[in-house]
Amino acid sequence: MAPQAAQTFGYMRVSSTDQNEDRQRRALADAAVPQEHLYLDRQSGKDFQRPQYQRLVKRLRAGDLLCVPSIDRLGRNYEDIQNQWRLLTKDIGVDICVLDMPLLDTRNGKDLMGTFIADLVLQILSFVAQSERENIRTRQAQGIAAARARGVHLGRPPARVPQDFDRIVQAWQDQSITLEQALQQAGVGKSTFYRRLRALRAGEQV
């Protein structure tokens, strides 16, 4: 049986469903990656436990080419990027092309100097990717702390109860209505009902 011809694949990643992958998709199309060979994950790059990436790795064979728009789309953890790069290029035998960094194209410079330069660039870029992820996390934490210091409420607004909540509570305590009826009249769930009940008994505003 003749060996299978080498194929070209593309991998994209966005951090959430709110982000758009069109730019990455155009870059991979310009690199002549077939549409049916594109894989997309919509989640963080903190590790490689991503369903589409894992499916892609299982499909890759020696001699195939994997294109990624940029190194941070592959991942954002320094050590994990290094390990995955070795897995793909050494263990499986795949070539990798990082589209926005021509030096990171394992099809070129396979001599000792070319390999050294590519490895050096990979280490630098994967370090930068992880540093940026950590900086984003730090800025988010600082922003949350600053907002709390200004008295800004973060998260979902607390569920509101009707103005006659005390009447509903009294009727429930008098057993003239059931808990289910009290919840329905108050328009809240059980946990919110009891939380507001504790506030009412403590003399706090509900």
N, C-alpha and C. Protein backbone atom coordinates (compact mmCIF):
# COMPACT_ATOMS: atom_id res chain seq x y z
N MET A 1 0.85 -1.20 0.00
CA MET A 1 0.00 0.00 0.00
C MET A 1 0.89 1.25 0.00
N ALA A 2 0.58 2.19 -0.88
CA ALA A 2 1.38 3.41 -0.98
C ALA A 2 1.19 4.26 0.27
N PRO A 3 2.25 4.92 0.73
CA PRO A 3 2.13 5.77 1.93
C PRO A 3 1.17 6.92 1.66
N GLN A 4 0.46 7.35 2.71
CA GLN A 4 -0.50 8.44 2.58
C GLN A 4 0.24 9.75 2.31
N ALA A 5 -0.27 10.51 1.36
CA ALA A 5 0.35 11.79 1.02
C ALA A 5 0.23 12.75 2.21
N ALA A 6 1.26 13.58 2.37
CA ALA A 6 1.25 14.56 3.46
C ALA A 6 0.11 15.55 3.27
N GLN A 7 -0.49 15.96 4.38
CA GLN A 7 -1.62 16.88 4.35
C GLN A 7 -1.31 18.12 5.18
N THR A 8 -2.05 19.19 4.90
CA THR A 8 -1.88 20.45 5.63
C THR A 8 -3.10 20.71 6.50
N PHE A 9 -2.84 21.06 7.75
CA PHE A 9 -3.91 21.32 8.71
C PHE A 9 -3.71 22.71 9.32
N GLY A 10 -4.79 23.25 9.86
CA GLY A 10 -4.73 24.55 10.52
C GLY A 10 -5.42 24.51 11.86
N TYR A 11 -4.85 25.21 12.83
CA TYR A 11 -5.46 25.26 14.16
C TYR A 11 -5.71 26.71 14.57
N MET A 12 -6.92 26.95 15.08
CA MET A 12 -7.32 28.28 15.56
C MET A 12 -7.80 28.16 17.00
N ARG A 13 -7.65 29.23 17.75
CA ARG A 13 -8.17 29.27 19.11
C ARG A 13 -8.59 30.68 19.46
N VAL A 14 -9.77 30.79 20.05
CA VAL A 14 -10.21 32.06 20.63
C VAL A 14 -10.56 31.78 22.09
N SER A 15 -10.44 32.81 22.93
CA SER A 15 -10.57 32.59 24.37
C SER A 15 -12.00 32.41 24.84
N SER A 16 -12.97 32.88 24.08
CA SER A 16 -14.36 32.76 24.50
C SER A 16 -15.25 32.84 23.29
N THR A 17 -16.54 32.58 23.51
CA THR A 17 -17.51 32.65 22.41
C THR A 17 -17.72 34.08 21.95
N ASP A 18 -17.22 35.07 22.72
CA ASP A 18 -17.39 36.47 22.33
C ASP A 18 -16.36 36.90 21.29
N GLN A 19 -15.28 36.15 21.14
CA GLN A 19 -14.25 36.52 20.19
C GLN A 19 -14.52 35.92 18.82
N ASN A 20 -14.02 36.61 17.81
CA ASN A 20 -14.26 36.19 16.43
C ASN A 20 -12.97 35.65 15.84
N GLU A 21 -13.09 34.50 15.18
CA GLU A 21 -11.90 33.84 14.63
C GLU A 21 -11.66 34.18 13.17
N ASP A 22 -12.38 35.17 12.60
CA ASP A 22 -12.29 35.46 11.17
C ASP A 22 -10.87 35.79 10.73
N ARG A 23 -10.14 36.57 11.53
CA ARG A 23 -8.78 36.94 11.15
C ARG A 23 -7.90 35.70 11.02
N GLN A 24 -8.02 34.81 11.99
CA GLN A 24 -7.23 33.57 11.94
C GLN A 24 -7.64 32.71 10.75
N ARG A 25 -8.95 32.66 10.50
CA ARG A 25 -9.45 31.83 9.39
C ARG A 25 -8.93 32.36 8.04
N ARG A 26 -8.88 33.70 7.90
CA ARG A 26 -8.37 34.28 6.65
C ARG A 26 -6.89 33.98 6.48
N ALA A 27 -6.12 34.09 7.58
CA ALA A 27 -4.68 33.82 7.51
C ALA A 27 -4.41 32.38 7.10
N LEU A 28 -5.19 31.45 7.62
CA LEU A 28 -5.00 30.04 7.27
C LEU A 28 -5.46 29.75 5.85
N ALA A 29 -6.50 30.45 5.40
CA ALA A 29 -6.94 30.29 4.01
C ALA A 29 -5.86 30.80 3.06
N ASP A 30 -5.22 31.92 3.42
CA ASP A 30 -4.13 32.45 2.59
C ASP A 30 -2.95 31.49 2.55
N ALA A 31 -2.81 30.66 3.58
CA ALA A 31 -1.73 29.67 3.62
C ALA A 31 -2.13 28.37 2.93
N ALA A 32 -3.29 28.40 2.26
CA ALA A 32 -3.78 27.25 1.47
C ALA A 32 -4.14 26.05 2.34
N VAL A 33 -4.62 26.31 3.56
CA VAL A 33 -5.09 25.21 4.40
C VAL A 33 -6.53 24.88 3.98
N PRO A 34 -6.82 23.62 3.63
CA PRO A 34 -8.18 23.26 3.21
C PRO A 34 -9.19 23.53 4.34
N GLN A 35 -10.36 23.98 3.96
CA GLN A 35 -11.41 24.30 4.94
C GLN A 35 -11.72 23.10 5.83
N GLU A 36 -11.73 21.90 5.24
CA GLU A 36 -12.09 20.71 6.00
C GLU A 36 -10.98 20.26 6.95
N HIS A 37 -9.82 20.93 6.89
CA HIS A 37 -8.71 20.59 7.77
C HIS A 37 -8.49 21.65 8.84
N LEU A 38 -9.48 22.50 9.07
CA LEU A 38 -9.38 23.55 10.09
C LEU A 38 -9.99 23.07 11.40
N TYR A 39 -9.30 23.35 12.48
CA TYR A 39 -9.79 22.98 13.81
C TYR A 39 -9.83 24.24 14.68
N LEU A 40 -10.92 24.39 15.45
CA LEU A 40 -11.12 25.59 16.25
C LEU A 40 -11.57 25.22 17.66
N ASP A 41 -10.89 25.79 18.66
CA ASP A 41 -11.31 25.67 20.05
C ASP A 41 -11.69 27.06 20.56
N ARG A 42 -12.74 27.10 21.35
CA ARG A 42 -13.17 28.36 21.97
C ARG A 42 -12.96 28.25 23.48
N GLN A 43 -11.71 28.35 23.90
CA GLN A 43 -11.41 28.30 25.32
C GLN A 43 -9.99 28.81 25.57
N SER A 44 -9.67 28.92 26.85
CA SER A 44 -8.39 29.47 27.27
C SER A 44 -7.23 28.64 26.74
N GLY A 45 -6.08 29.31 26.58
CA GLY A 45 -4.87 28.62 26.16
C GLY A 45 -3.99 28.23 27.33
N LYS A 46 -4.56 28.12 28.52
CA LYS A 46 -3.75 27.82 29.71
C LYS A 46 -3.17 26.41 29.66
N ASP A 47 -3.84 25.46 28.96
CA ASP A 47 -3.30 24.11 28.80
C ASP A 47 -3.77 23.57 27.46
N PHE A 48 -3.45 22.31 27.19
CA PHE A 48 -3.78 21.71 25.89
C PHE A 48 -4.91 20.70 25.99
N GLN A 49 -5.65 20.74 27.08
CA GLN A 49 -6.80 19.84 27.21
C GLN A 49 -8.01 20.48 26.52
N ARG A 50 -7.90 20.59 25.18
CA ARG A 50 -8.95 21.19 24.37
C ARG A 50 -9.44 20.14 23.37
N PRO A 51 -10.75 19.98 23.24
CA PRO A 51 -11.28 18.87 22.44
C PRO A 51 -10.85 18.88 20.98
N GLN A 52 -10.91 20.04 20.32
CA GLN A 52 -10.56 20.08 18.91
C GLN A 52 -9.06 19.92 18.70
N TYR A 53 -8.26 20.45 19.59
CA TYR A 53 -6.81 20.27 19.48
C TYR A 53 -6.45 18.80 19.63
N GLN A 54 -7.07 18.13 20.59
CA GLN A 54 -6.79 16.71 20.80
C GLN A 54 -7.22 15.89 19.59
N ARG A 55 -8.34 16.24 18.98
CA ARG A 55 -8.78 15.55 17.76
C ARG A 55 -7.77 15.76 16.64
N LEU A 56 -7.26 16.99 16.53
CA LEU A 56 -6.28 17.30 15.50
C LEU A 56 -5.02 16.47 15.67
N VAL A 57 -4.49 16.41 16.89
CA VAL A 57 -3.25 15.67 17.15
C VAL A 57 -3.41 14.21 16.76
N LYS A 58 -4.57 13.62 17.06
CA LYS A 58 -4.79 12.21 16.71
C LYS A 58 -4.82 11.99 15.20
N ARG A 59 -5.14 13.03 14.46
CA ARG A 59 -5.24 12.91 13.01
C ARG A 59 -3.90 13.14 12.31
N LEU A 60 -2.98 13.84 12.96
CA LEU A 60 -1.71 14.19 12.34
C LEU A 60 -0.83 12.96 12.12
N ARG A 61 -0.11 12.96 10.99
CA ARG A 61 0.82 11.89 10.65
C ARG A 61 2.16 12.50 10.26
N ALA A 62 3.21 11.69 10.32
CA ALA A 62 4.55 12.16 9.95
C ALA A 62 4.53 12.74 8.54
N GLY A 63 5.15 13.91 8.40
CA GLY A 63 5.19 14.60 7.11
C GLY A 63 4.10 15.62 6.91
N ASP A 64 3.05 15.59 7.75
CA ASP A 64 1.99 16.59 7.64
C ASP A 64 2.52 17.96 8.07
N LEU A 65 1.78 18.99 7.67
CA LEU A 65 2.12 20.37 8.03
C LEU A 65 0.99 20.95 8.87
N LEU A 66 1.34 21.50 10.03
CA LEU A 66 0.38 22.18 10.89
C LEU A 66 0.67 23.67 10.85
N CYS A 67 -0.33 24.46 10.46
CA CYS A 67 -0.20 25.93 10.43
C CYS A 67 -1.00 26.53 11.57
N VAL A 68 -0.40 27.45 12.29
CA VAL A 68 -1.11 28.21 13.33
C VAL A 68 -0.85 29.70 13.06
N PRO A 69 -1.87 30.55 13.24
CA PRO A 69 -1.70 31.97 12.94
C PRO A 69 -0.60 32.63 13.77
N SER A 70 -0.50 32.28 15.07
CA SER A 70 0.53 32.84 15.93
C SER A 70 0.75 31.88 17.09
N ILE A 71 1.88 32.01 17.76
CA ILE A 71 2.25 31.05 18.79
C ILE A 71 1.28 31.08 19.96
N ASP A 72 0.68 32.26 20.27
CA ASP A 72 -0.24 32.31 21.40
C ASP A 72 -1.57 31.64 21.10
N ARG A 73 -1.86 31.38 19.81
CA ARG A 73 -3.06 30.62 19.48
C ARG A 73 -2.84 29.14 19.79
N LEU A 74 -1.59 28.72 19.73
CA LEU A 74 -1.27 27.35 20.09
C LEU A 74 -1.42 27.16 21.60
N GLY A 75 -0.90 28.10 22.37
CA GLY A 75 -1.02 28.00 23.82
C GLY A 75 -0.42 29.21 24.50
N ARG A 76 -0.60 29.27 25.84
CA ARG A 76 -0.08 30.41 26.60
C ARG A 76 0.71 29.97 27.83
N ASN A 77 1.04 28.68 27.88
CA ASN A 77 1.86 28.18 28.98
C ASN A 77 3.22 27.80 28.43
N TYR A 78 4.25 28.44 28.96
CA TYR A 78 5.61 28.29 28.42
C TYR A 78 6.05 26.83 28.31
N GLU A 79 5.95 26.11 29.40
CA GLU A 79 6.43 24.72 29.41
C GLU A 79 5.58 23.84 28.52
N ASP A 80 4.26 24.04 28.56
CA ASP A 80 3.36 23.22 27.74
C ASP A 80 3.61 23.43 26.25
N ILE A 81 3.86 24.67 25.84
CA ILE A 81 4.14 24.94 24.42
C ILE A 81 5.41 24.19 23.99
N GLN A 82 6.43 24.24 24.83
CA GLN A 82 7.67 23.53 24.52
C GLN A 82 7.42 22.03 24.36
N ASN A 83 6.65 21.46 25.31
CA ASN A 83 6.38 20.02 25.28
C ASN A 83 5.57 19.63 24.05
N GLN A 84 4.55 20.44 23.72
CA GLN A 84 3.73 20.12 22.56
C GLN A 84 4.53 20.25 21.27
N TRP A 85 5.40 21.24 21.21
CA TRP A 85 6.24 21.42 20.02
C TRP A 85 7.10 20.18 19.79
N ARG A 86 7.68 19.67 20.89
CA ARG A 86 8.50 18.45 20.77
C ARG A 86 7.65 17.25 20.39
N LEU A 87 6.46 17.14 20.97
CA LEU A 87 5.56 16.03 20.64
C LEU A 87 5.23 16.02 19.15
N LEU A 88 4.89 17.20 18.63
CA LEU A 88 4.47 17.29 17.23
C LEU A 88 5.64 17.08 16.27
N THR A 89 6.75 17.75 16.53
CA THR A 89 7.86 17.73 15.57
C THR A 89 8.76 16.51 15.72
N LYS A 90 8.96 16.05 16.95
CA LYS A 90 9.88 14.93 17.19
C LYS A 90 9.15 13.59 17.22
N ASP A 91 8.12 13.50 18.07
CA ASP A 91 7.45 12.21 18.25
C ASP A 91 6.58 11.84 17.05
N ILE A 92 5.79 12.80 16.55
CA ILE A 92 4.91 12.51 15.42
C ILE A 92 5.62 12.75 14.10
N GLY A 93 6.49 13.75 14.06
CA GLY A 93 7.20 14.05 12.83
C GLY A 93 6.48 15.05 11.94
N VAL A 94 5.74 15.96 12.57
CA VAL A 94 4.98 16.97 11.84
C VAL A 94 5.83 18.22 11.66
N ASP A 95 5.66 18.91 10.54
CA ASP A 95 6.23 20.25 10.39
C ASP A 95 5.23 21.27 10.92
N ILE A 96 5.72 22.35 11.51
CA ILE A 96 4.87 23.42 12.04
C ILE A 96 5.29 24.73 11.40
N CYS A 97 4.29 25.51 11.02
CA CYS A 97 4.52 26.84 10.47
C CYS A 97 3.69 27.85 11.27
N VAL A 98 4.38 28.76 11.97
CA VAL A 98 3.70 29.86 12.67
C VAL A 98 3.64 31.03 11.69
N LEU A 99 2.46 31.36 11.23
CA LEU A 99 2.30 32.24 10.07
C LEU A 99 2.86 33.64 10.29
N ASP A 100 2.73 34.17 11.51
CA ASP A 100 3.20 35.55 11.72
C ASP A 100 4.66 35.59 12.17
N MET A 101 5.35 34.44 12.16
CA MET A 101 6.75 34.40 12.56
C MET A 101 7.48 33.42 11.63
N PRO A 102 7.96 33.91 10.48
CA PRO A 102 8.59 33.03 9.48
C PRO A 102 9.74 32.19 10.01
N LEU A 103 10.44 32.67 11.05
CA LEU A 103 11.52 31.88 11.62
C LEU A 103 11.02 30.58 12.24
N LEU A 104 9.74 30.56 12.65
CA LEU A 104 9.16 29.36 13.22
C LEU A 104 8.43 28.56 12.14
N ASP A 105 9.21 28.08 11.20
CA ASP A 105 8.72 27.20 10.13
C ASP A 105 9.73 26.07 10.02
N THR A 106 9.35 24.91 10.54
CA THR A 106 10.31 23.81 10.63
C THR A 106 10.67 23.21 9.27
N ARG A 107 10.01 23.66 8.21
CA ARG A 107 10.39 23.19 6.87
C ARG A 107 11.67 23.87 6.40
N ASN A 108 12.00 24.99 7.01
CA ASN A 108 13.20 25.74 6.62
C ASN A 108 14.29 25.54 7.67
N GLY A 109 15.51 25.68 7.24
CA GLY A 109 16.64 25.69 8.17
C GLY A 109 16.74 24.45 9.02
N LYS A 110 16.72 23.26 8.39
CA LYS A 110 16.79 22.03 9.15
C LYS A 110 18.23 21.67 9.56
N ASP A 111 19.18 22.51 9.20
CA ASP A 111 20.55 22.26 9.65
C ASP A 111 20.67 22.68 11.11
N LEU A 112 21.83 22.49 11.68
CA LEU A 112 22.04 22.75 13.11
C LEU A 112 21.76 24.20 13.47
N MET A 113 22.26 25.15 12.67
CA MET A 113 22.07 26.56 12.98
C MET A 113 20.60 26.94 12.85
N GLY A 114 19.94 26.46 11.79
CA GLY A 114 18.52 26.77 11.61
C GLY A 114 17.68 26.23 12.74
N THR A 115 17.99 25.01 13.20
CA THR A 115 17.25 24.42 14.31
C THR A 115 17.50 25.20 15.60
N PHE A 116 18.73 25.63 15.81
CA PHE A 116 19.07 26.40 17.01
C PHE A 116 18.29 27.72 17.03
N ILE A 117 18.24 28.42 15.89
CA ILE A 117 17.54 29.70 15.82
C ILE A 117 16.04 29.50 16.07
N ALA A 118 15.47 28.47 15.43
CA ALA A 118 14.04 28.21 15.61
C ALA A 118 13.73 27.89 17.06
N ASP A 119 14.56 27.06 17.69
CA ASP A 119 14.34 26.72 19.10
C ASP A 119 14.44 27.95 19.98
N LEU A 120 15.39 28.82 19.69
CA LEU A 120 15.57 30.03 20.48
C LEU A 120 14.36 30.96 20.34
N VAL A 121 13.89 31.14 19.10
CA VAL A 121 12.72 31.99 18.87
C VAL A 121 11.49 31.40 19.56
N LEU A 122 11.33 30.08 19.48
CA LEU A 122 10.20 29.42 20.13
C LEU A 122 10.21 29.66 21.63
N GLN A 123 11.37 29.54 22.26
CA GLN A 123 11.46 29.76 23.69
C GLN A 123 11.08 31.19 24.05
N ILE A 124 11.56 32.13 23.28
CA ILE A 124 11.26 33.54 23.55
C ILE A 124 9.76 33.81 23.40
N LEU A 125 9.18 33.35 22.29
CA LEU A 125 7.77 33.65 22.02
C LEU A 125 6.85 32.94 23.00
N SER A 126 7.17 31.70 23.37
CA SER A 126 6.31 31.01 24.33
C SER A 126 6.42 31.65 25.71
N PHE A 127 7.60 32.16 26.05
CA PHE A 127 7.75 32.90 27.30
C PHE A 127 6.91 34.17 27.27
N VAL A 128 6.94 34.88 26.15
CA VAL A 128 6.14 36.10 26.01
C VAL A 128 4.66 35.78 26.11
N ALA A 129 4.23 34.67 25.49
CA ALA A 129 2.81 34.30 25.52
C ALA A 129 2.35 34.05 26.95
N GLN A 130 3.15 33.33 27.74
CA GLN A 130 2.77 33.08 29.12
C GLN A 130 2.82 34.36 29.94
N SER A 131 3.83 35.21 29.70
CA SER A 131 3.93 36.47 30.45
C SER A 131 2.71 37.35 30.20
N GLU A 132 2.25 37.38 28.95
CA GLU A 132 1.08 38.19 28.63
C GLU A 132 -0.16 37.65 29.32
N ARG A 133 -0.30 36.33 29.37
CA ARG A 133 -1.43 35.72 30.07
C ARG A 133 -1.41 36.09 31.54
N GLU A 134 -0.23 36.03 32.16
CA GLU A 134 -0.12 36.38 33.58
C GLU A 134 -0.36 37.86 33.80
N ASN A 135 0.08 38.70 32.86
CA ASN A 135 -0.16 40.14 32.99
C ASN A 135 -1.65 40.46 32.89
N ILE A 136 -2.34 39.77 31.98
CA ILE A 136 -3.78 39.98 31.86
C ILE A 136 -4.48 39.61 33.15
N ARG A 137 -4.09 38.49 33.73
CA ARG A 137 -4.70 38.04 34.99
C ARG A 137 -4.42 39.04 36.10
N THR A 138 -3.20 39.58 36.14
CA THR A 138 -2.85 40.56 37.17
C THR A 138 -3.66 41.85 37.00
N ARG A 139 -3.78 42.31 35.73
CA ARG A 139 -4.56 43.53 35.48
C ARG A 139 -6.03 43.34 35.83
N GLN A 140 -6.56 42.15 35.58
CA GLN A 140 -7.96 41.88 35.94
C GLN A 140 -8.14 41.94 37.46
N ALA A 141 -7.21 41.32 38.19
CA ALA A 141 -7.30 41.33 39.65
C ALA A 141 -7.18 42.75 40.20
N GLN A 142 -6.28 43.55 39.62
CA GLN A 142 -6.11 44.93 40.05
C GLN A 142 -7.37 45.75 39.75
N GLY A 143 -7.97 45.50 38.58
CA GLY A 143 -9.19 46.21 38.22
C GLY A 143 -10.34 45.88 39.14
N ILE A 144 -10.46 44.59 39.51
CA ILE A 144 -11.52 44.19 40.43
C ILE A 144 -11.31 44.82 41.80
N ALA A 145 -10.06 44.80 42.27
CA ALA A 145 -9.76 45.39 43.59
C ALA A 145 -10.06 46.89 43.59
N ALA A 146 -9.70 47.58 42.50
CA ALA A 146 -9.95 49.02 42.42
C ALA A 146 -11.45 49.31 42.38
N ALA A 147 -12.19 48.48 41.65
CA ALA A 147 -13.64 48.69 41.57
C ALA A 147 -14.29 48.47 42.93
N ARG A 148 -13.86 47.45 43.63
CA ARG A 148 -14.42 47.19 44.97
C ARG A 148 -14.08 48.32 45.93
N ALA A 149 -12.88 48.87 45.78
CA ALA A 149 -12.48 49.99 46.64
C ALA A 149 -13.36 51.21 46.40
N ARG A 150 -13.85 51.36 45.17
CA ARG A 150 -14.75 52.47 44.84
C ARG A 150 -16.19 52.16 45.18
N GLY A 151 -16.44 50.94 45.70
CA GLY A 151 -17.80 50.56 46.07
C GLY A 151 -18.61 50.05 44.91
N VAL A 152 -17.96 49.69 43.81
CA VAL A 152 -18.67 49.16 42.65
C VAL A 152 -19.02 47.71 42.90
N HIS A 153 -20.28 47.35 42.71
CA HIS A 153 -20.71 45.96 42.90
C HIS A 153 -20.40 45.17 41.64
N LEU A 154 -19.70 44.06 41.81
CA LEU A 154 -19.34 43.20 40.68
C LEU A 154 -20.21 41.95 40.69
N GLY A 155 -20.44 41.42 39.51
CA GLY A 155 -21.27 40.23 39.39
C GLY A 155 -22.72 40.60 39.14
N ARG A 156 -23.57 39.58 39.20
CA ARG A 156 -24.98 39.81 38.94
C ARG A 156 -25.62 40.64 40.04
N PRO A 157 -26.56 41.51 39.69
CA PRO A 157 -27.25 42.28 40.73
C PRO A 157 -28.07 41.35 41.63
N PRO A 158 -28.16 41.68 42.92
CA PRO A 158 -28.92 40.81 43.83
C PRO A 158 -30.39 40.76 43.43
N ALA A 159 -30.98 39.57 43.62
CA ALA A 159 -32.40 39.41 43.30
C ALA A 159 -33.24 40.29 44.22
N ARG A 160 -34.24 40.95 43.65
CA ARG A 160 -35.09 41.85 44.41
C ARG A 160 -36.31 41.10 44.92
N VAL A 161 -36.81 41.53 46.05
CA VAL A 161 -38.04 40.97 46.61
C VAL A 161 -39.09 42.08 46.65
N PRO A 162 -40.38 41.73 46.64
CA PRO A 162 -41.42 42.76 46.65
C PRO A 162 -41.45 43.55 47.95
N GLN A 163 -42.06 44.73 47.89
CA GLN A 163 -42.09 45.61 49.07
C GLN A 163 -42.84 44.97 50.24
N ASP A 164 -43.78 44.09 49.93
CA ASP A 164 -44.53 43.44 51.01
C ASP A 164 -43.93 42.09 51.39
N PHE A 165 -42.62 42.00 51.27
CA PHE A 165 -41.95 40.75 51.58
C PHE A 165 -42.18 40.35 53.03
N ASP A 166 -42.21 41.34 53.94
CA ASP A 166 -42.44 41.02 55.35
C ASP A 166 -43.81 40.40 55.56
N ARG A 167 -44.81 40.85 54.78
CA ARG A 167 -46.16 40.27 54.88
C ARG A 167 -46.15 38.81 54.42
N ILE A 168 -45.41 38.55 53.31
CA ILE A 168 -45.32 37.19 52.79
C ILE A 168 -44.66 36.29 53.82
N VAL A 169 -43.58 36.79 54.44
CA VAL A 169 -42.88 36.01 55.46
C VAL A 169 -43.81 35.71 56.63
N GLN A 170 -44.56 36.73 57.07
CA GLN A 170 -45.46 36.54 58.20
C GLN A 170 -46.54 35.50 57.87
N ALA A 171 -47.07 35.57 56.66
CA ALA A 171 -48.09 34.60 56.25
C ALA A 171 -47.52 33.19 56.21
N TRP A 172 -46.28 33.07 55.78
CA TRP A 172 -45.63 31.75 55.74
C TRP A 172 -45.38 31.24 57.15
N GLN A 173 -44.92 32.16 58.04
CA GLN A 173 -44.67 31.75 59.42
C GLN A 173 -45.97 31.38 60.14
N ASP A 174 -47.08 32.02 59.78
CA ASP A 174 -48.38 31.71 60.36
C ASP A 174 -48.99 30.45 59.75
N GLN A 175 -48.29 29.90 58.75
CA GLN A 175 -48.72 28.68 58.05
C GLN A 175 -50.03 28.88 57.29
N SER A 176 -50.29 30.14 56.94
CA SER A 176 -51.47 30.39 56.10
C SER A 176 -51.14 30.19 54.62
N ILE A 177 -49.84 30.19 54.29
CA ILE A 177 -49.40 29.82 52.94
C ILE A 177 -48.22 28.87 53.07
N THR A 178 -48.02 28.05 52.06
CA THR A 178 -46.89 27.12 52.07
C THR A 178 -45.61 27.84 51.62
N LEU A 179 -44.49 27.17 51.80
CA LEU A 179 -43.22 27.74 51.36
C LEU A 179 -43.24 27.96 49.85
N GLU A 180 -43.79 27.01 49.12
CA GLU A 180 -43.86 27.15 47.67
C GLU A 180 -44.68 28.37 47.27
N GLN A 181 -45.78 28.61 47.97
CA GLN A 181 -46.60 29.79 47.69
C GLN A 181 -45.86 31.07 48.05
N ALA A 182 -45.10 31.03 49.15
CA ALA A 182 -44.33 32.21 49.55
C ALA A 182 -43.27 32.53 48.50
N LEU A 183 -42.61 31.49 48.01
CA LEU A 183 -41.59 31.70 46.97
C LEU A 183 -42.22 32.28 45.71
N GLN A 184 -43.38 31.78 45.37
CA GLN A 184 -44.06 32.25 44.16
C GLN A 184 -44.48 33.71 44.31
N GLN A 185 -45.01 34.07 45.47
CA GLN A 185 -45.45 35.45 45.69
C GLN A 185 -44.26 36.41 45.74
N ALA A 186 -43.13 35.92 46.29
CA ALA A 186 -41.95 36.77 46.39
C ALA A 186 -41.19 36.83 45.07
N GLY A 187 -41.43 35.83 44.23
CA GLY A 187 -40.75 35.81 42.93
C GLY A 187 -39.27 35.51 43.02
N VAL A 188 -38.87 34.72 44.02
CA VAL A 188 -37.45 34.38 44.20
C VAL A 188 -37.32 32.89 44.46
N GLY A 189 -36.09 32.40 44.40
CA GLY A 189 -35.81 31.02 44.73
C GLY A 189 -35.66 30.82 46.22
N LYS A 190 -35.50 29.58 46.61
CA LYS A 190 -35.46 29.24 48.03
C LYS A 190 -34.24 29.88 48.72
N SER A 191 -33.07 29.80 48.08
CA SER A 191 -31.87 30.34 48.72
C SER A 191 -31.98 31.85 48.91
N THR A 192 -32.52 32.55 47.91
CA THR A 192 -32.70 34.01 48.03
C THR A 192 -33.74 34.33 49.09
N PHE A 193 -34.79 33.53 49.16
CA PHE A 193 -35.84 33.75 50.16
C PHE A 193 -35.26 33.70 51.57
N TYR A 194 -34.48 32.65 51.85
CA TYR A 194 -33.91 32.51 53.18
C TYR A 194 -32.86 33.57 53.46
N ARG A 195 -32.12 33.97 52.42
CA ARG A 195 -31.12 35.03 52.60
C ARG A 195 -31.80 36.34 52.96
N ARG A 196 -32.87 36.66 52.25
CA ARG A 196 -33.61 37.89 52.56
C ARG A 196 -34.32 37.78 53.91
N LEU A 197 -34.74 36.58 54.27
CA LEU A 197 -35.37 36.37 55.57
C LEU A 197 -34.39 36.67 56.70
N ARG A 198 -33.14 36.20 56.55
CA ARG A 198 -32.13 36.48 57.56
C ARG A 198 -31.86 37.98 57.66
N ALA A 199 -31.83 38.64 56.52
CA ALA A 199 -31.60 40.09 56.52
C ALA A 199 -32.76 40.80 57.20
N LEU A 200 -33.98 40.34 56.95
CA LEU A 200 -35.16 40.96 57.56
C LEU A 200 -35.12 40.81 59.07
N ARG A 201 -34.77 39.64 59.54
CA ARG A 201 -34.70 39.40 60.98
C ARG A 201 -33.56 40.18 61.63
N ALA A 202 -32.53 40.48 60.85
CA ALA A 202 -31.38 41.24 61.40
C ALA A 202 -31.63 42.73 61.29
N GLY A 203 -32.81 43.13 60.77
CA GLY A 203 -33.13 44.54 60.65
C GLY A 203 -32.47 45.22 59.50
N GLU A 204 -31.93 44.43 58.53
CA GLU A 204 -31.28 45.01 57.38
C GLU A 204 -32.29 45.26 56.27
N GLN A 205 -31.89 46.10 55.32
CA GLN A 205 -32.76 46.38 54.18
C GLN A 205 -32.80 45.16 53.25
N VAL A 206 -34.00 44.75 52.86
CA VAL A 206 -34.14 43.61 51.96
C VAL A 206 -34.69 44.05 50.61
